[in-house]
């Protein structure tokens, strides 16, 4: 999907994954396994592995929401 050893800024990662930047920041704070690299100025750089983790989190959350909709119906 993405070239290996490529780093994306948070805005580029948001665009590629279709997940807003503020959600990526929230996930970064709440999921210990999502740790993009940060430059000295604090700018985030997402690796291909980070992008894969983001997409996995999105799939898991989608699955959980679907499950809850069915379960609570």
PDB file of N, CA and C in Angstrom:
ATOM      1  N   UNK A   1       0.815  -1.184   0.000  1.00  0.00           N
ATOM      2  CA  UNK A   1       0.000   0.000   0.000  1.00  0.00           C
ATOM      3  C   UNK A   1       0.866   1.259   0.000  1.00  0.00           C
ATOM      4  N   UNK A   2       1.834   1.303   0.921  1.00  0.00           N
ATOM      5  CA  UNK A   2       2.736   2.441   1.007  1.00  0.00           C
ATOM      6  C   UNK A   2       4.166   1.953   0.822  1.00  0.00           C
ATOM      7  N   UNK A   3       5.013   2.850   0.339  1.00  0.00           N
ATOM      8  CA  UNK A   3       6.424   2.504   0.205  1.00  0.00           C
ATOM      9  C   UNK A   3       7.052   2.354   1.575  1.00  0.00           C
ATOM     10  N   UNK A   4       7.884   1.320   1.744  1.00  0.00           N
ATOM     11  CA  UNK A   4       8.589   1.135   3.016  1.00  0.00           C
ATOM     12  C   UNK A   4       9.574   2.283   3.219  1.00  0.00           C
ATOM     13  N   UNK A   5       9.855   2.571   4.486  1.00  0.00           N
ATOM     14  CA  UNK A   5      10.796   3.618   4.884  1.00  0.00           C
ATOM     15  C   UNK A   5      10.347   5.009   4.450  1.00  0.00           C
ATOM     16  N   UNK A   6       9.045   5.175   4.250  1.00  0.00           N
ATOM     17  CA  UNK A   6       8.491   6.479   3.928  1.00  0.00           C
ATOM     18  C   UNK A   6       7.888   7.056   5.197  1.00  0.00           C
ATOM     19  N   UNK A   7       8.106   8.322   5.430  1.00  0.00           N
ATOM     20  CA  UNK A   7       7.518   8.988   6.588  1.00  0.00           C
ATOM     21  C   UNK A   7       6.571  10.070   6.106  1.00  0.00           C
ATOM     22  N   UNK A   8       5.413  10.138   6.774  1.00  0.00           N
ATOM     23  CA  UNK A   8       4.393  11.115   6.426  1.00  0.00           C
ATOM     24  C   UNK A   8       4.155  12.037   7.611  1.00  0.00           C
ATOM     25  N   UNK A   9       3.861  13.290   7.317  1.00  0.00           N
ATOM     26  CA  UNK A   9       3.449  14.202   8.383  1.00  0.00           C
ATOM     27  C   UNK A   9       2.049  13.794   8.831  1.00  0.00           C
ATOM     28  N   UNK A  10       1.580  14.361   9.912  1.00  0.00           N
ATOM     29  CA  UNK A  10       0.256  13.995  10.411  1.00  0.00           C
ATOM     30  C   UNK A  10      -0.829  14.361   9.400  1.00  0.00           C
ATOM     31  N   UNK A  11      -0.670  15.478   8.705  1.00  0.00           N
ATOM     32  CA  UNK A  11      -1.687  15.855   7.716  1.00  0.00           C
ATOM     33  C   UNK A  11      -1.676  14.896   6.523  1.00  0.00           C
ATOM     34  N   UNK A  12      -0.491  14.449   6.115  1.00  0.00           N
ATOM     35  CA  UNK A  12      -0.400  13.469   5.030  1.00  0.00           C
ATOM     36  C   UNK A  12      -0.971  12.124   5.469  1.00  0.00           C
ATOM     37  N   UNK A  13      -0.677  11.731   6.710  1.00  0.00           N
ATOM     38  CA  UNK A  13      -1.208  10.468   7.245  1.00  0.00           C
ATOM     39  C   UNK A  13      -2.729  10.540   7.338  1.00  0.00           C
ATOM     40  N   UNK A  14      -3.249  11.670   7.760  1.00  0.00           N
ATOM     41  CA  UNK A  14      -4.700  11.852   7.851  1.00  0.00           C
ATOM     42  C   UNK A  14      -5.342  11.725   6.474  1.00  0.00           C
ATOM     43  N   UNK A  15      -4.712  12.317   5.498  1.00  0.00           N
ATOM     44  CA  UNK A  15      -5.249  12.254   4.139  1.00  0.00           C
ATOM     45  C   UNK A  15      -5.198  10.832   3.588  1.00  0.00           C
ATOM     46  N   UNK A  16      -4.092  10.121   3.808  1.00  0.00           N
ATOM     47  CA  UNK A  16      -3.928   8.748   3.299  1.00  0.00           C
ATOM     48  C   UNK A  16      -4.907   7.772   3.961  1.00  0.00           C
ATOM     49  N   UNK A  17      -5.161   7.966   5.257  1.00  0.00           N
ATOM     50  CA  UNK A  17      -5.999   7.026   6.002  1.00  0.00           C
ATOM     51  C   UNK A  17      -7.454   7.477   6.095  1.00  0.00           C
ATOM     52  N   UNK A  18      -7.721   8.713   5.708  1.00  0.00           N
ATOM     53  CA  UNK A  18      -9.057   9.297   5.809  1.00  0.00           C
ATOM     54  C   UNK A  18      -9.519   9.375   7.270  1.00  0.00           C
ATOM     55  N   UNK A  19      -8.557   9.621   8.151  1.00  0.00           N
ATOM     56  CA  UNK A  19      -8.838   9.784   9.584  1.00  0.00           C
ATOM     57  C   UNK A  19      -8.333  11.183   9.964  1.00  0.00           C
ATOM     58  N   UNK A  20      -9.184  12.009  10.551  1.00  0.00           N
ATOM     59  CA  UNK A  20      -8.777  13.382  10.869  1.00  0.00           C
ATOM     60  C   UNK A  20      -7.550  13.444  11.796  1.00  0.00           C
ATOM     61  N   UNK A  21      -6.790  14.508  11.651  1.00  0.00           N
ATOM     62  CA  UNK A  21      -5.571  14.702  12.452  1.00  0.00           C
ATOM     63  C   UNK A  21      -5.848  14.670  13.946  1.00  0.00           C
ATOM     64  N   UNK A  22      -6.955  15.288  14.374  1.00  0.00           N
ATOM     65  CA  UNK A  22      -7.238  15.315  15.818  1.00  0.00           C
ATOM     66  C   UNK A  22      -7.511  13.913  16.348  1.00  0.00           C
ATOM     67  N   UNK A  23      -8.062  13.037  15.525  1.00  0.00           N
ATOM     68  CA  UNK A  23      -8.294  11.652  15.944  1.00  0.00           C
ATOM     69  C   UNK A  23      -6.953  10.919  16.050  1.00  0.00           C
ATOM     70  N   UNK A  24      -6.062  11.152  15.100  1.00  0.00           N
ATOM     71  CA  UNK A  24      -4.731  10.534  15.173  1.00  0.00           C
ATOM     72  C   UNK A  24      -4.011  10.967  16.441  1.00  0.00           C
ATOM     73  N   UNK A  25      -4.110  12.247  16.800  1.00  0.00           N
ATOM     74  CA  UNK A  25      -3.475  12.730  18.027  1.00  0.00           C
ATOM     75  C   UNK A  25      -4.091  12.061  19.261  1.00  0.00           C
ATOM     76  N   UNK A  26      -5.421  11.933  19.261  1.00  0.00           N
ATOM     77  CA  UNK A  26      -6.118  11.287  20.371  1.00  0.00           C
ATOM     78  C   UNK A  26      -5.662   9.837  20.506  1.00  0.00           C
ATOM     79  N   UNK A  27      -5.616   9.106  19.401  1.00  0.00           N
ATOM     80  CA  UNK A  27      -5.179   7.712  19.428  1.00  0.00           C
ATOM     81  C   UNK A  27      -3.742   7.605  19.902  1.00  0.00           C
ATOM     82  N   UNK A  28      -2.902   8.535  19.473  1.00  0.00           N
ATOM     83  CA  UNK A  28      -1.496   8.527  19.889  1.00  0.00           C
ATOM     84  C   UNK A  28      -1.382   8.649  21.419  1.00  0.00           C
ATOM     85  N   UNK A  29      -2.244   9.458  22.015  1.00  0.00           N
ATOM     86  CA  UNK A  29      -2.222   9.633  23.469  1.00  0.00           C
ATOM     87  C   UNK A  29      -2.783   8.420  24.209  1.00  0.00           C
ATOM     88  N   UNK A  30      -3.733   7.722  23.589  1.00  0.00           N
ATOM     89  CA  UNK A  30      -4.464   6.677  24.290  1.00  0.00           C
ATOM     90  C   UNK A  30      -4.064   5.249  23.941  1.00  0.00           C
ATOM     91  N   UNK A  31      -3.364   5.055  22.855  1.00  0.00           N
ATOM     92  CA  UNK A  31      -2.900   3.721  22.465  1.00  0.00           C
ATOM     93  C   UNK A  31      -1.378   3.717  22.509  1.00  0.00           C
ATOM     94  N   UNK A  32      -0.821   3.029  23.506  1.00  0.00           N
ATOM     95  CA  UNK A  32       0.629   3.071  23.732  1.00  0.00           C
ATOM     96  C   UNK A  32       1.435   2.550  22.547  1.00  0.00           C
ATOM     97  N   UNK A  33       0.827   1.727  21.697  1.00  0.00           N
ATOM     98  CA  UNK A  33       1.567   1.122  20.589  1.00  0.00           C
ATOM     99  C   UNK A  33       1.607   2.004  19.344  1.00  0.00           C
ATOM    100  N   UNK A  34       0.961   3.167  19.370  1.00  0.00           N
ATOM    101  CA  UNK A  34       1.039   4.117  18.257  1.00  0.00           C
ATOM    102  C   UNK A  34       1.958   5.257  18.678  1.00  0.00           C
ATOM    103  N   UNK A  35       3.178   5.214  18.202  1.00  0.00           N
ATOM    104  CA  UNK A  35       4.177   6.210  18.585  1.00  0.00           C
ATOM    105  C   UNK A  35       4.934   6.724  17.356  1.00  0.00           C
ATOM    106  N   UNK A  36       4.340   7.686  16.635  1.00  0.00           N
ATOM    107  CA  UNK A  36       5.079   8.248  15.507  1.00  0.00           C
ATOM    108  C   UNK A  36       6.322   8.989  16.001  1.00  0.00           C
ATOM    109  N   UNK A  37       7.303   9.076  15.145  1.00  0.00           N
ATOM    110  CA  UNK A  37       8.519   9.812  15.505  1.00  0.00           C
ATOM    111  C   UNK A  37       8.190  11.299  15.578  1.00  0.00           C
ATOM    112  N   UNK A  38       8.901  11.993  16.456  1.00  0.00           N
ATOM    113  CA  UNK A  38       8.708  13.433  16.573  1.00  0.00           C
ATOM    114  C   UNK A  38      10.036  14.139  16.356  1.00  0.00           C
ATOM    115  N   UNK A  39       9.994  15.186  15.549  1.00  0.00           N
ATOM    116  CA  UNK A  39      11.173  16.023  15.334  1.00  0.00           C
ATOM    117  C   UNK A  39      11.365  16.913  16.565  1.00  0.00           C
ATOM    118  N   UNK A  40      12.485  17.577  16.626  1.00  0.00           N
ATOM    119  CA  UNK A  40      12.766  18.444  17.779  1.00  0.00           C
ATOM    120  C   UNK A  40      11.674  19.484  17.999  1.00  0.00           C
ATOM    121  N   UNK A  41      11.101  19.979  16.930  1.00  0.00           N
ATOM    122  CA  UNK A  41      10.043  20.981  17.043  1.00  0.00           C
ATOM    123  C   UNK A  41       8.690  20.397  17.405  1.00  0.00           C
ATOM    124  N   UNK A  42       8.603  19.056  17.507  1.00  0.00           N
ATOM    125  CA  UNK A  42       7.359  18.407  17.883  1.00  0.00           C
ATOM    126  C   UNK A  42       6.537  17.886  16.715  1.00  0.00           C
ATOM    127  N   UNK A  43       7.006  18.127  15.500  1.00  0.00           N
ATOM    128  CA  UNK A  43       6.277  17.646  14.321  1.00  0.00           C
ATOM    129  C   UNK A  43       6.316  16.126  14.266  1.00  0.00           C
ATOM    130  N   UNK A  44       5.151  15.521  14.016  1.00  0.00           N
ATOM    131  CA  UNK A  44       5.036  14.063  13.981  1.00  0.00           C
ATOM    132  C   UNK A  44       5.341  13.532  12.585  1.00  0.00           C
ATOM    133  N   UNK A  45       5.989  12.367  12.558  1.00  0.00           N
ATOM    134  CA  UNK A  45       6.258  11.674  11.296  1.00  0.00           C
ATOM    135  C   UNK A  45       5.828  10.228  11.447  1.00  0.00           C
ATOM    136  N   UNK A  46       4.848   9.838  10.642  1.00  0.00           N
ATOM    137  CA  UNK A  46       4.286   8.491  10.681  1.00  0.00           C
ATOM    138  C   UNK A  46       5.006   7.588   9.683  1.00  0.00           C
ATOM    139  N   UNK A  47       5.497   6.459  10.169  1.00  0.00           N
ATOM    140  CA  UNK A  47       6.147   5.466   9.311  1.00  0.00           C
ATOM    141  C   UNK A  47       5.079   4.584   8.684  1.00  0.00           C
ATOM    142  N   UNK A  48       5.492   3.732   7.769  1.00  0.00           N
ATOM    143  CA  UNK A  48       4.545   2.785   7.167  1.00  0.00           C
ATOM    144  C   UNK A  48       3.978   1.855   8.241  1.00  0.00           C
ATOM    145  N   UNK A  49       4.784   1.474   9.214  1.00  0.00           N
ATOM    146  CA  UNK A  49       4.290   0.644  10.316  1.00  0.00           C
ATOM    147  C   UNK A  49       3.239   1.391  11.139  1.00  0.00           C
ATOM    148  N   UNK A  50       3.470   2.678  11.385  1.00  0.00           N
ATOM    149  CA  UNK A  50       2.493   3.492  12.112  1.00  0.00           C
ATOM    150  C   UNK A  50       1.171   3.561  11.349  1.00  0.00           C
ATOM    151  N   UNK A  51       1.250   3.711  10.037  1.00  0.00           N
ATOM    152  CA  UNK A  51       0.049   3.775   9.206  1.00  0.00           C
ATOM    153  C   UNK A  51      -0.713   2.458   9.290  1.00  0.00           C
ATOM    154  N   UNK A  52       0.004   1.348   9.273  1.00  0.00           N
ATOM    155  CA  UNK A  52      -0.641   0.037   9.403  1.00  0.00           C
ATOM    156  C   UNK A  52      -1.337  -0.094  10.755  1.00  0.00           C
ATOM    157  N   UNK A  53      -0.727   0.418  11.813  1.00  0.00           N
ATOM    158  CA  UNK A  53      -1.343   0.392  13.145  1.00  0.00           C
ATOM    159  C   UNK A  53      -2.606   1.249  13.148  1.00  0.00           C
ATOM    160  N   UNK A  54      -2.540   2.426  12.548  1.00  0.00           N
ATOM    161  CA  UNK A  54      -3.705   3.318  12.464  1.00  0.00           C
ATOM    162  C   UNK A  54      -4.863   2.607  11.765  1.00  0.00           C
ATOM    163  N   UNK A  55      -4.578   1.954  10.648  1.00  0.00           N
ATOM    164  CA  UNK A  55      -5.625   1.253   9.905  1.00  0.00           C
ATOM    165  C   UNK A  55      -6.180   0.070  10.699  1.00  0.00           C
ATOM    166  N   UNK A  56      -5.327  -0.586  11.466  1.00  0.00           N
ATOM    167  CA  UNK A  56      -5.776  -1.684  12.314  1.00  0.00           C
ATOM    168  C   UNK A  56      -6.704  -1.164  13.419  1.00  0.00           C
ATOM    169  N   UNK A  57      -6.329  -0.075  14.056  1.00  0.00           N
ATOM    170  CA  UNK A  57      -7.172   0.529  15.094  1.00  0.00           C
ATOM    171  C   UNK A  57      -8.535   0.884  14.506  1.00  0.00           C
ATOM    172  N   UNK A  58      -8.526   1.469  13.321  1.00  0.00           N
ATOM    173  CA  UNK A  58      -9.787   1.841  12.673  1.00  0.00           C
ATOM    174  C   UNK A  58     -10.666   0.611  12.425  1.00  0.00           C
ATOM    175  N   UNK A  59     -10.077  -0.480  11.946  1.00  0.00           N
ATOM    176  CA  UNK A  59     -10.848  -1.707  11.694  1.00  0.00           C
ATOM    177  C   UNK A  59     -11.420  -2.276  12.993  1.00  0.00           C
ATOM    178  N   UNK A  60     -10.609  -2.280  14.040  1.00  0.00           N
ATOM    179  CA  UNK A  60     -11.074  -2.813  15.327  1.00  0.00           C
ATOM    180  C   UNK A  60     -12.230  -1.973  15.872  1.00  0.00           C
ATOM    181  N   UNK A  61     -12.095  -0.668  15.822  1.00  0.00           N
ATOM    182  CA  UNK A  61     -13.163   0.208  16.317  1.00  0.00           C
ATOM    183  C   UNK A  61     -14.427   0.014  15.483  1.00  0.00           C
ATOM    184  N   UNK A  62     -14.289  -0.081  14.179  1.00  0.00           N
ATOM    185  CA  UNK A  62     -15.454  -0.313  13.313  1.00  0.00           C
ATOM    186  C   UNK A  62     -16.142  -1.623  13.663  1.00  0.00           C
ATOM    187  N   UNK A  63     -15.344  -2.667  13.879  1.00  0.00           N
ATOM    188  CA  UNK A  63     -15.892  -3.966  14.252  1.00  0.00           C
ATOM    189  C   UNK A  63     -16.646  -3.871  15.572  1.00  0.00           C
ATOM    190  N   UNK A  64     -16.056  -3.206  16.558  1.00  0.00           N
ATOM    191  CA  UNK A  64     -16.695  -3.067  17.866  1.00  0.00           C
ATOM    192  C   UNK A  64     -18.008  -2.296  17.781  1.00  0.00           C
ATOM    193  N   UNK A  65     -18.033  -1.249  16.980  1.00  0.00           N
ATOM    194  CA  UNK A  65     -19.262  -0.471  16.816  1.00  0.00           C
ATOM    195  C   UNK A  65     -20.343  -1.326  16.166  1.00  0.00           C
ATOM    196  N   UNK A  66     -19.983  -2.055  15.119  1.00  0.00           N
ATOM    197  CA  UNK A  66     -20.953  -2.939  14.465  1.00  0.00           C
ATOM    198  C   UNK A  66     -21.480  -3.991  15.438  1.00  0.00           C
ATOM    199  N   UNK A  67     -20.591  -4.564  16.222  1.00  0.00           N
ATOM    200  CA  UNK A  67     -20.987  -5.569  17.214  1.00  0.00           C
ATOM    201  C   UNK A  67     -21.980  -4.966  18.211  1.00  0.00           C
ATOM    202  N   UNK A  68     -21.664  -3.787  18.717  1.00  0.00           N
ATOM    203  CA  UNK A  68     -22.543  -3.145  19.707  1.00  0.00           C
ATOM    204  C   UNK A  68     -23.909  -2.801  19.120  1.00  0.00           C
ATOM    205  N   UNK A  69     -23.924  -2.379  17.888  1.00  0.00           N
ATOM    206  CA  UNK A  69     -25.209  -2.076  17.236  1.00  0.00           C
ATOM    207  C   UNK A  69     -26.067  -3.339  17.172  1.00  0.00           C
ATOM    208  N   UNK A  70     -25.462  -4.436  16.786  1.00  0.00           N
ATOM    209  CA  UNK A  70     -26.197  -5.704  16.709  1.00  0.00           C
ATOM    210  C   UNK A  70     -26.596  -6.184  18.102  1.00  0.00           C
ATOM    211  N   UNK A  71     -25.649  -6.145  19.028  1.00  0.00           N
ATOM    212  CA  UNK A  71     -25.885  -6.640  20.384  1.00  0.00           C
ATOM    213  C   UNK A  71     -26.973  -5.835  21.098  1.00  0.00           C
ATOM    214  N   UNK A  72     -26.968  -4.538  20.917  1.00  0.00           N
ATOM    215  CA  UNK A  72     -27.909  -3.675  21.634  1.00  0.00           C
ATOM    216  C   UNK A  72     -29.243  -3.512  20.919  1.00  0.00           C
ATOM    217  N   UNK A  73     -29.366  -4.102  19.757  1.00  0.00           N
ATOM    218  CA  UNK A  73     -30.646  -3.990  19.007  1.00  0.00           C
ATOM    219  C   UNK A  73     -31.696  -4.907  19.582  1.00  0.00           C
TER     220      UNK A  73
END
